[in-house]
Each structure stands twice: as C-alpha cells, then as structure tokens.
C-alpha atoms as a PDB file:
ATOM      1  CA  UNK A   1      11.676  -8.658 -11.057  1.00  0.00           C
ATOM      2  CA  UNK A   2      11.340  -8.124  -7.334  1.00  0.00           C
ATOM      3  CA  UNK A   3       7.805  -8.503  -6.039  1.00  0.00           C
ATOM      4  CA  UNK A   4       6.023  -5.340  -4.937  1.00  0.00           C
ATOM      5  CA  UNK A   5       4.641  -5.674  -1.423  1.00  0.00           C
ATOM      6  CA  UNK A   6       1.540  -3.607  -0.718  1.00  0.00           C
ATOM      7  CA  UNK A   7       0.890  -1.901   2.603  1.00  0.00           C
ATOM      8  CA  UNK A   8      -2.876  -2.301   2.965  1.00  0.00           C
ATOM      9  CA  UNK A   9      -3.616  -1.828   6.657  1.00  0.00           C
ATOM     10  CA  UNK A  10      -2.211  -0.464   9.913  1.00  0.00           C
ATOM     11  CA  UNK A  11      -0.786  -3.845  10.830  1.00  0.00           C
ATOM     12  CA  UNK A  12       1.331  -4.126   7.674  1.00  0.00           C
ATOM     13  CA  UNK A  13       2.433  -0.475   8.072  1.00  0.00           C
ATOM     14  CA  UNK A  14       3.629  -1.166  11.614  1.00  0.00           C
ATOM     15  CA  UNK A  15       5.345  -4.362  10.434  1.00  0.00           C
ATOM     16  CA  UNK A  16       7.256  -2.350   7.797  1.00  0.00           C
ATOM     17  CA  UNK A  17       8.516   0.087  10.437  1.00  0.00           C
ATOM     18  CA  UNK A  18       9.576  -2.852  12.604  1.00  0.00           C
ATOM     19  CA  UNK A  19      11.481  -4.340   9.669  1.00  0.00           C
ATOM     20  CA  UNK A  20      13.340  -1.070   9.055  1.00  0.00           C
ATOM     21  CA  UNK A  21      14.149  -0.497  12.713  1.00  0.00           C
ATOM     22  CA  UNK A  22      15.065  -4.110  13.428  1.00  0.00           C
ATOM     23  CA  UNK A  23      18.220  -6.101  12.805  1.00  0.00           C
ATOM     24  CA  UNK A  24      16.975  -8.833  10.460  1.00  0.00           C
ATOM     25  CA  UNK A  25      17.198  -6.909   7.203  1.00  0.00           C
ATOM     26  CA  UNK A  26      19.827  -8.031   4.675  1.00  0.00           C
ATOM     27  CA  UNK A  27      18.822  -5.847   1.725  1.00  0.00           C
ATOM     28  CA  UNK A  28      17.888  -2.197   1.134  1.00  0.00           C
ATOM     29  CA  UNK A  29      14.163  -1.444   1.338  1.00  0.00           C
ATOM     30  CA  UNK A  30      12.438   0.862  -1.160  1.00  0.00           C
ATOM     31  CA  UNK A  31       9.217   2.521   0.013  1.00  0.00           C
ATOM     32  CA  UNK A  32       7.103   4.338  -2.585  1.00  0.00           C
ATOM     33  CA  UNK A  33       3.930   6.156  -1.545  1.00  0.00           C
ATOM     34  CA  UNK A  34       0.732   7.041  -3.394  1.00  0.00           C
ATOM     35  CA  UNK A  35      -0.411  10.679  -3.061  1.00  0.00           C
ATOM     36  CA  UNK A  36      -3.690  11.384  -1.287  1.00  0.00           C
ATOM     37  CA  UNK A  37      -6.547  11.453  -3.781  1.00  0.00           C
ATOM     38  CA  UNK A  38      -4.834   9.124  -6.276  1.00  0.00           C
ATOM     39  CA  UNK A  39      -4.942   5.369  -6.742  1.00  0.00           C
ATOM     40  CA  UNK A  40      -1.521   5.084  -8.395  1.00  0.00           C
ATOM     41  CA  UNK A  41       1.861   6.648  -7.539  1.00  0.00           C
ATOM     42  CA  UNK A  42       3.600   9.192  -9.748  1.00  0.00           C
ATOM     43  CA  UNK A  43       6.748   7.129  -9.189  1.00  0.00           C
ATOM     44  CA  UNK A  44       7.039   4.018 -11.377  1.00  0.00           C
ATOM     45  CA  UNK A  45       7.309   1.371  -8.676  1.00  0.00           C
ATOM     46  CA  UNK A  46       7.286  -1.444 -11.237  1.00  0.00           C
ATOM     47  CA  UNK A  47      10.357  -0.063 -12.998  1.00  0.00           C
ATOM     48  CA  UNK A  48      12.140   0.210  -9.654  1.00  0.00           C
ATOM     49  CA  UNK A  49      11.261  -3.390  -8.806  1.00  0.00           C
ATOM     50  CA  UNK A  50      12.434  -4.551 -12.233  1.00  0.00           C
ATOM     51  CA  UNK A  51      15.783  -2.751 -11.924  1.00  0.00           C
ATOM     52  CA  UNK A  52      16.305  -3.824  -8.310  1.00  0.00           C
ATOM     53  CA  UNK A  53      15.730  -7.526  -8.936  1.00  0.00           C
ATOM     54  CA  UNK A  54      16.697  -9.441  -5.796  1.00  0.00           C
ATOM     55  CA  UNK A  55      18.966  -6.646  -4.552  1.00  0.00           C
ATOM     56  CA  UNK A  56      16.177  -4.894  -2.627  1.00  0.00           C
ATOM     57  CA  UNK A  57      12.677  -5.216  -1.199  1.00  0.00           C
ATOM     58  CA  UNK A  58      10.048  -2.891  -2.660  1.00  0.00           C
ATOM     59  CA  UNK A  59       6.939  -1.620  -0.851  1.00  0.00           C
ATOM     60  CA  UNK A  60       4.008   0.508  -2.053  1.00  0.00           C
ATOM     61  CA  UNK A  61       1.980   2.442   0.521  1.00  0.00           C
ATOM     62  CA  UNK A  62      -1.002   4.814   0.084  1.00  0.00           C
ATOM     63  CA  UNK A  63      -0.986   8.138   1.916  1.00  0.00           C
ATOM     64  CA  UNK A  64      -3.500   8.161   4.731  1.00  0.00           C
ATOM     65  CA  UNK A  65      -4.041   6.326   8.018  1.00  0.00           C
ATOM     66  CA  UNK A  66      -1.462   3.669   7.108  1.00  0.00           C
ATOM     67  CA  UNK A  67       1.327   6.179   6.531  1.00  0.00           C
ATOM     68  CA  UNK A  68       0.593   7.835   9.859  1.00  0.00           C
ATOM     69  CA  UNK A  69       0.767   4.451  11.567  1.00  0.00           C
ATOM     70  CA  UNK A  70       4.091   3.843   9.840  1.00  0.00           C
ATOM     71  CA  UNK A  71       5.399   7.328  10.673  1.00  0.00           C
ATOM     72  CA  UNK A  72       4.783   7.203  14.403  1.00  0.00           C
ATOM     73  CA  UNK A  73       7.325   4.402  14.784  1.00  0.00           C
ATOM     74  CA  UNK A  74      10.000   6.088  12.642  1.00  0.00           C
ATOM     75  CA  UNK A  75      12.696   8.539  13.722  1.00  0.00           C
ATOM     76  CA  UNK A  76      12.017  12.207  12.947  1.00  0.00           C
ATOM     77  CA  UNK A  77      12.695  13.002   9.317  1.00  0.00           C
ATOM     78  CA  UNK A  78      12.876   9.368   8.171  1.00  0.00           C
ATOM     79  CA  UNK A  79       9.191   8.984   7.295  1.00  0.00           C
ATOM     80  CA  UNK A  80       7.831   8.902   3.751  1.00  0.00           C
ATOM     81  CA  UNK A  81       4.341   9.863   2.483  1.00  0.00           C
ATOM     82  CA  UNK A  82       2.477  12.163   0.086  1.00  0.00           C
ATOM     83  CA  UNK A  83       3.688  10.526  -3.117  1.00  0.00           C
ATOM     84  CA  UNK A  84       7.387  10.607  -2.225  1.00  0.00           C
ATOM     85  CA  UNK A  85       9.728   7.637  -2.043  1.00  0.00           C
ATOM     86  CA  UNK A  86      12.972   6.724  -0.332  1.00  0.00           C
ATOM     87  CA  UNK A  87      15.392   3.834   0.015  1.00  0.00           C
ATOM     88  CA  UNK A  88      16.520   2.650   3.432  1.00  0.00           C
ATOM     89  CA  UNK A  89      19.996   1.075   3.341  1.00  0.00           C
ATOM     90  CA  UNK A  90      21.117  -1.810   5.503  1.00  0.00           C
ATOM     91  CA  UNK A  91      21.896  -0.832   9.085  1.00  0.00           C
ATOM     92  CA  UNK A  92      20.563   2.120  11.049  1.00  0.00           C
ATOM     93  CA  UNK A  93      22.890   5.016  10.175  1.00  0.00           C
ATOM     94  CA  UNK A  94      20.020   6.559   8.162  1.00  0.00           C
ATOM     95  CA  UNK A  95      18.031   7.100  11.383  1.00  0.00           C
ATOM     96  CA  UNK A  96      20.453   9.816  12.532  1.00  0.00           C
ATOM     97  CA  UNK A  97      21.936  10.898   9.180  1.00  0.00           C
ATOM     98  CA  UNK A  98      19.187  11.710   6.682  1.00  0.00           C
ATOM     99  CA  UNK A  99      21.684  11.950   3.819  1.00  0.00           C
ATOM    100  CA  UNK A 100      21.997   8.160   4.005  1.00  0.00           C
ATOM    101  CA  UNK A 101      18.369   7.826   2.878  1.00  0.00           C
ATOM    102  CA  UNK A 102      17.442  10.838   0.710  1.00  0.00           C
ATOM    103  CA  UNK A 103      13.752  11.605   0.238  1.00  0.00           C
ATOM    104  CA  UNK A 104      12.684  11.731  -3.424  1.00  0.00           C
ATOM    105  CA  UNK A 105       9.629  13.900  -4.099  1.00  0.00           C
ATOM    106  CA  UNK A 106       7.080  13.510  -6.901  1.00  0.00           C
ATOM    107  CA  UNK A 107       4.176  15.924  -7.372  1.00  0.00           C
ATOM    108  CA  UNK A 108       3.369  15.181 -11.012  1.00  0.00           C
ATOM    109  CA  UNK A 109       4.308  12.849 -13.867  1.00  0.00           C
ATOM    110  CA  UNK A 110       7.543  14.694 -14.689  1.00  0.00           C
ATOM    111  CA  UNK A 111       8.622  14.610 -11.056  1.00  0.00           C
ATOM    112  CA  UNK A 112       7.722  10.931 -11.016  1.00  0.00           C
ATOM    113  CA  UNK A 113      10.099  10.130 -13.880  1.00  0.00           C
ATOM    114  CA  UNK A 114      12.982  11.920 -12.153  1.00  0.00           C
ATOM    115  CA  UNK A 115      12.241  10.394  -8.748  1.00  0.00           C
ATOM    116  CA  UNK A 116      12.014   6.922 -10.288  1.00  0.00           C
ATOM    117  CA  UNK A 117      15.520   7.187 -11.708  1.00  0.00           C
ATOM    118  CA  UNK A 118      16.854   8.666  -8.456  1.00  0.00           C
ATOM    119  CA  UNK A 119      15.388   5.792  -6.440  1.00  0.00           C
ATOM    120  CA  UNK A 120      16.809   3.210  -8.837  1.00  0.00           C
ATOM    121  CA  UNK A 121      20.227   4.835  -8.506  1.00  0.00           C
ATOM    122  CA  UNK A 122      19.902   4.973  -4.701  1.00  0.00           C
ATOM    123  CA  UNK A 123      18.887   1.306  -4.580  1.00  0.00           C
ATOM    124  CA  UNK A 124      21.737   0.020  -6.728  1.00  0.00           C
ATOM    125  CA  UNK A 125      24.294   2.227  -4.993  1.00  0.00           C
ATOM    126  CA  UNK A 126      23.221   0.994  -1.558  1.00  0.00           C
ATOM    127  CA  UNK A 127      23.164  -2.631  -2.708  1.00  0.00           C
ATOM    128  CA  UNK A 128      26.666  -2.324  -4.131  1.00  0.00           C
ATOM    129  CA  UNK A 129      27.929  -0.631  -0.970  1.00  0.00           C
ATOM    130  CA  UNK A 130      26.570  -3.550   1.058  1.00  0.00           C
ATOM    131  CA  UNK A 131      28.356  -6.071  -1.178  1.00  0.00           C
ATOM    132  CA  UNK A 132      25.096  -7.647  -2.343  1.00  0.00           C
ATOM    133  CA  UNK A 133      26.114  -7.954  -5.974  1.00  0.00           C
ATOM    134  CA  UNK A 134      28.517 -10.697  -4.931  1.00  0.00           C
ATOM    135  CA  UNK A 135      26.564 -12.026  -1.929  1.00  0.00           C
ATOM    136  CA  UNK A 136      23.208 -12.276  -3.731  1.00  0.00           C
ATOM    137  CA  UNK A 137      23.911 -13.056  -7.403  1.00  0.00           C
ATOM    138  CA  UNK A 138      20.831 -12.632  -9.537  1.00  0.00           C
ATOM    139  CA  UNK A 139      19.543 -15.901 -10.953  1.00  0.00           C
ATOM    140  CA  UNK A 140      21.707 -17.848 -13.417  1.00  0.00           C
ATOM    141  CA  UNK A 141      24.235 -15.597 -15.130  1.00  0.00           C
ATOM    142  CA  UNK A 142      25.710 -16.037 -18.594  1.00  0.00           C
ATOM    143  CA  UNK A 143      29.196 -14.951 -19.696  1.00  0.00           C
ATOM    144  CA  UNK A 144      28.938 -12.446 -22.552  1.00  0.00           C
ATOM    145  CA  UNK A 145      31.138 -10.093 -24.519  1.00  0.00           C
ATOM    146  CA  UNK A 146      30.244  -7.190 -26.745  1.00  0.00           C
ATOM    147  CA  UNK A 147      30.942  -3.640 -27.823  1.00  0.00           C
ATOM    148  CA  UNK A 148      29.765  -0.579 -25.933  1.00  0.00           C
ATOM    149  CA  UNK A 149      27.372   1.352 -28.164  1.00  0.00           C
ATOM    150  CA  UNK A 150      27.063   4.483 -26.028  1.00  0.00           C
ATOM    151  CA  UNK A 151      26.881   5.817 -22.482  1.00  0.00           C
ATOM    152  CA  UNK A 152      23.785   7.689 -21.349  1.00  0.00           C
ATOM    153  CA  UNK A 153      22.094   8.550 -18.045  1.00  0.00           C
ATOM    154  CA  UNK A 154      24.497   6.539 -15.917  1.00  0.00           C
ATOM    155  CA  UNK A 155      24.318   3.462 -18.127  1.00  0.00           C
ATOM    156  CA  UNK A 156      26.555   1.908 -20.764  1.00  0.00           C
ATOM    157  CA  UNK A 157      24.583   0.198 -23.524  1.00  0.00           C
ATOM    158  CA  UNK A 158      26.269  -2.931 -24.866  1.00  0.00           C
ATOM    159  CA  UNK A 159      25.516  -5.016 -27.940  1.00  0.00           C
ATOM    160  CA  UNK A 160      25.435  -8.654 -26.793  1.00  0.00           C
ATOM    161  CA  UNK A 161      23.464  -9.952 -29.776  1.00  0.00           C
ATOM    162  CA  UNK A 162      19.967  -9.355 -28.369  1.00  0.00           C
ATOM    163  CA  UNK A 163      17.211  -7.272 -29.942  1.00  0.00           C
ATOM    164  CA  UNK A 164      17.890  -4.540 -27.406  1.00  0.00           C
ATOM    165  CA  UNK A 165      21.285  -3.656 -25.909  1.00  0.00           C
ATOM    166  CA  UNK A 166      22.148  -4.773 -22.388  1.00  0.00           C
ATOM    167  CA  UNK A 167      23.252  -2.215 -19.805  1.00  0.00           C
ATOM    168  CA  UNK A 168      26.064  -1.678 -17.334  1.00  0.00           C
ATOM    169  CA  UNK A 169      24.924   0.317 -14.289  1.00  0.00           C
ATOM    170  CA  UNK A 170      27.518   2.754 -12.984  1.00  0.00           C
ATOM    171  CA  UNK A 171      26.242   2.303  -9.401  1.00  0.00           C
ATOM    172  CA  UNK A 172      27.139  -1.409  -9.569  1.00  0.00           C
ATOM    173  CA  UNK A 173      30.581  -0.875 -11.073  1.00  0.00           C
ATOM    174  CA  UNK A 174      32.865   1.605  -9.284  1.00  0.00           C
ATOM    175  CA  UNK A 175      31.521   3.719  -6.444  1.00  0.00           C
ATOM    176  CA  UNK A 176      31.111   7.404  -7.250  1.00  0.00           C
ATOM    177  CA  UNK A 177      32.736   7.139 -10.691  1.00  0.00           C
ATOM    178  CA  UNK A 178      30.643   8.125 -13.769  1.00  0.00           C
ATOM    179  CA  UNK A 179      30.119   5.358 -16.298  1.00  0.00           C
ATOM    180  CA  UNK A 180      31.778   7.354 -19.093  1.00  0.00           C
ATOM    181  CA  UNK A 181      35.029   7.280 -17.094  1.00  0.00           C
ATOM    182  CA  UNK A 182      34.869   3.496 -16.903  1.00  0.00           C
ATOM    183  CA  UNK A 183      33.967   2.534 -20.478  1.00  0.00           C
ATOM    184  CA  UNK A 184      33.738   4.331 -23.806  1.00  0.00           C
ATOM    185  CA  UNK A 185      31.843   3.814 -27.047  1.00  0.00           C
ATOM    186  CA  UNK A 186      33.428   1.084 -29.166  1.00  0.00           C
ATOM    187  CA  UNK A 187      35.187  -0.589 -26.239  1.00  0.00           C
ATOM    188  CA  UNK A 188      34.900  -4.376 -26.046  1.00  0.00           C
ATOM    189  CA  UNK A 189      33.809  -5.647 -22.642  1.00  0.00           C
ATOM    190  CA  UNK A 190      33.263  -8.997 -20.952  1.00  0.00           C
ATOM    191  CA  UNK A 191      30.964  -9.731 -18.046  1.00  0.00           C
ATOM    192  CA  UNK A 192      28.183 -11.763 -16.483  1.00  0.00           C
ATOM    193  CA  UNK A 193      24.769 -11.183 -18.044  1.00  0.00           C
ATOM    194  CA  UNK A 194      21.505 -11.285 -16.067  1.00  0.00           C
ATOM    195  CA  UNK A 195      18.714 -11.859 -18.553  1.00  0.00           C
ATOM    196  CA  UNK A 196      15.894 -10.744 -16.240  1.00  0.00           C
ATOM    197  CA  UNK A 197      17.354  -7.315 -15.496  1.00  0.00           C
ATOM    198  CA  UNK A 198      19.153  -7.120 -18.881  1.00  0.00           C
ATOM    199  CA  UNK A 199      22.215  -6.010 -16.960  1.00  0.00           C
ATOM    200  CA  UNK A 200      25.909  -6.937 -17.232  1.00  0.00           C
ATOM    201  CA  UNK A 201      28.202  -7.211 -14.225  1.00  0.00           C
ATOM    202  CA  UNK A 202      31.733  -6.218 -15.272  1.00  0.00           C
ATOM    203  CA  UNK A 203      33.283  -5.895 -11.818  1.00  0.00           C
ATOM    204  CA  UNK A 204      35.546  -8.923 -12.332  1.00  0.00           C
ATOM    205  CA  UNK A 205      37.045  -7.185 -15.383  1.00  0.00           C
ATOM    206  CA  UNK A 206      38.012  -3.999 -13.562  1.00  0.00           C
ATOM    207  CA  UNK A 207      41.729  -3.306 -13.433  1.00  0.00           C
ATOM    208  CA  UNK A 208      43.424  -3.687 -10.054  1.00  0.00           C
ATOM    209  CA  UNK A 209      45.415  -0.709  -8.827  1.00  0.00           C
ATOM    210  CA  UNK A 210      48.721  -2.548  -9.381  1.00  0.00           C
ATOM    211  CA  UNK A 211      48.027  -2.630 -13.129  1.00  0.00           C
ATOM    212  CA  UNK A 212      46.436   0.788 -13.448  1.00  0.00           C
ATOM    213  CA  UNK A 213      49.216   2.607 -11.580  1.00  0.00           C
ATOM    214  CA  UNK A 214      52.155   0.551 -12.838  1.00  0.00           C
ATOM    215  CA  UNK A 215      53.378   3.261 -15.212  1.00  0.00           C
ATOM    216  CA  UNK A 216      53.288   6.049 -12.595  1.00  0.00           C
ATOM    217  CA  UNK A 217      56.665   7.455 -11.541  1.00  0.00           C
ATOM    218  CA  UNK A 218      57.876  10.079  -9.092  1.00  0.00           C
ATOM    219  CA  UNK A 219      57.478  13.490 -10.702  1.00  0.00           C
ATOM    220  CA  UNK A 220      54.468  12.562 -12.848  1.00  0.00           C
ATOM    221  CA  UNK A 221      51.519  14.950 -12.850  1.00  0.00           C
ATOM    222  CA  UNK A 222      48.319  12.877 -12.681  1.00  0.00           C
ATOM    223  CA  UNK A 223      44.636  13.380 -12.147  1.00  0.00           C
ATOM    224  CA  UNK A 224      43.229  12.456  -8.758  1.00  0.00           C
ATOM    225  CA  UNK A 225      40.096  13.016  -6.723  1.00  0.00           C
ATOM    226  CA  UNK A 226      40.029  15.154  -3.598  1.00  0.00           C
ATOM    227  CA  UNK A 227      38.621  12.981  -0.824  1.00  0.00           C
ATOM    228  CA  UNK A 228      38.970  15.369   2.112  1.00  0.00           C
ATOM    229  CA  UNK A 229      40.706  18.633   2.995  1.00  0.00           C
ATOM    230  CA  UNK A 230      41.468  19.712   6.533  1.00  0.00           C
ATOM    231  CA  UNK A 231      43.472  22.585   7.962  1.00  0.00           C
ATOM    232  CA  UNK A 232      46.820  20.828   7.848  1.00  0.00           C
ATOM    233  CA  UNK A 233      46.336  17.898   5.498  1.00  0.00           C
ATOM    234  CA  UNK A 234      44.530  16.772   2.362  1.00  0.00           C
ATOM    235  CA  UNK A 235      43.608  13.279   1.250  1.00  0.00           C
ATOM    236  CA  UNK A 236      43.413  12.258  -2.391  1.00  0.00           C
ATOM    237  CA  UNK A 237      41.913   9.184  -4.028  1.00  0.00           C
ATOM    238  CA  UNK A 238      44.497   8.072  -6.563  1.00  0.00           C
ATOM    239  CA  UNK A 239      42.574   4.987  -7.680  1.00  0.00           C
ATOM    240  CA  UNK A 240      39.130   3.773  -6.569  1.00  0.00           C
ATOM    241  CA  UNK A 241      38.250   0.417  -5.084  1.00  0.00           C
ATOM    242  CA  UNK A 242      37.832  -2.168  -7.848  1.00  0.00           C
ATOM    243  CA  UNK A 243      39.127  -5.720  -7.557  1.00  0.00           C
ATOM    244  CA  UNK A 244      41.720  -4.272  -5.180  1.00  0.00           C
ATOM    245  CA  UNK A 245      41.437  -1.775  -2.309  1.00  0.00           C
ATOM    246  CA  UNK A 246      41.316   1.934  -3.059  1.00  0.00           C
ATOM    247  CA  UNK A 247      44.631   3.768  -3.209  1.00  0.00           C
ATOM    248  CA  UNK A 248      44.768   7.047  -1.300  1.00  0.00           C
ATOM    249  CA  UNK A 249      47.597   9.475  -0.652  1.00  0.00           C
ATOM    250  CA  UNK A 250      47.964  12.151   2.024  1.00  0.00           C
ATOM    251  CA  UNK A 251      49.565  15.541   1.487  1.00  0.00           C
ATOM    252  CA  UNK A 252      50.566  17.439   4.634  1.00  0.00           C
ATOM    253  CA  UNK A 253      50.777  21.197   5.024  1.00  0.00           C
ATOM    254  CA  UNK A 254      54.564  21.035   5.229  1.00  0.00           C
ATOM    255  CA  UNK A 255      54.605  19.370   1.779  1.00  0.00           C
ATOM    256  CA  UNK A 256      53.199  22.490   0.127  1.00  0.00           C
ATOM    257  CA  UNK A 257      54.112  25.433   2.350  1.00  0.00           C
ATOM    258  CA  UNK A 258      56.676  26.521   4.923  1.00  0.00           C
ATOM    259  CA  UNK A 259      54.145  28.644   6.769  1.00  0.00           C
ATOM    260  CA  UNK A 260      52.590  26.664   9.665  1.00  0.00           C
ATOM    261  CA  UNK A 261      49.716  29.147   9.761  1.00  0.00           C
ATOM    262  CA  UNK A 262      48.567  28.369   6.200  1.00  0.00           C
ATOM    263  CA  UNK A 263      45.194  26.640   5.879  1.00  0.00           C
ATOM    264  CA  UNK A 264      44.918  24.041   3.107  1.00  0.00           C
ATOM    265  CA  UNK A 265      41.164  24.425   2.948  1.00  0.00           C
ATOM    266  CA  UNK A 266      39.898  26.573   0.057  1.00  0.00           C
END
C-alpha cells in the first residue's frame, strides 16, 4: 500500500503545491482533504492508497490555514479543500483544463463512498495513461490463470485459488472500454498477479488489432466507436490501443452525401 503523507503545517502545504507545479513528478498525486470541524475525511484515503500501490502518491490535508497556504500557489480552480479530493496527473495540462483533474466532493458518508471510488478510478486511469503500469511494476508479480466469476463496478473478479477473488481493473486494461466488454463470466484468463493490491494485469494477453480485425472484409457491418465528428468528416475508433496501436478510420462528407452543404454533426 502506498504511504499516506500528511500535510501538517504551512511549510508542507507549500511544498505540496511546489511538487504539483514543478517538473520532478513521475506519478499522479492524490490529495484528499478533511472537512472543517472533523478529524477524519469522509473519503477513505486508506482504500485509495491501497488501490494505488506505487502508481501514485497520496496526501491527506485538513481544511484550514494549511489549505489556504496550498491554494494561494495553485492556479484558479485547481485547489482542493472542504472534504473534497482530486487527482493531479503527470504534467501541467490540468492547470488550464480542469477536466484533466476532476474535483470529487464528499459532504457525508455516502458521498465519501462514491468519491472514494471515483478517485481510485481517476488514479488508475491517469497512471495507465502515463504508462506507469509497465514503467513501475508493483513488487514481485506472479503468473496466474483462472476463471472470471463476474464483472461488477468496473472490476472483473477472478478465481485464482485464494480465499477471495483477485480483480482486473478496467482502468488498467483498455482505455475507456468497460470491463464487461473485455472479459465475461466463465472466461479463462492469464496475467501477472500483484499480491499486495490483489490485482491482475492482463494487458499482455490483449489481442492485437491484426488478430481482432483479421476476419473483417469490405462490406461488413461492424460496431465502432465515434471518436469525433466535424462538419465535413467523422473519425471512428475501430479497435482500441492494446498491445498494438489503436485503429481509426475517417469517413468524409463525400462518402455519405453528394451535397457539399450537408453537416455530418448531429
């Protein structure tokens, strides 16, 4: 489990802002705050640290003078306080695009449960996007195989012979693809098992696009994902990035209409 670092004075609060705004960071940073008037956060910071492992740094900060010290060094809208939490990805794009680091609010225990899961998902998604699953392998991994028991809440539960099933996290598998479109109950899987996080990495088992699309032929009607639509062209994701690059196709206005004034946007 990742250690939880406590912000306990103005100096450590300023140091956290310097870390986020500097260039030395190599992992996402999770910041969870404690609401004013409470001694513990609504958000389960220990569960976040356990799920993150060595893929992120986790900080806990009380609301008060320390958060204001932290906030004054942060770009507008990127602060966090009042019991909320947020994950800051690698780089600085989040400083100008707040969608890169969504704020997760928690005003009571129920909110805390939801925000905890959102922050875990944000953390794993950002770590995967940064390539940290391969660059920072967690501890010693063990090759395992087993049957998928079920998929639930973005996780596939797999029987690997332990008392409790291990999990496959959708955020660490294929970007923006739900776990139930990757595996199904009863499917046999193989992967690398991390005992501490009780998680299985199956990325090496993902099918490359050359295998997945081998049976496609001109004239086939297939499912695809709309990536972008503009006035005169649309881009579709035919197969996501796995062990091979993503496969995208472009459809131009002239491919679907003879009218140059038609707009492909809905």
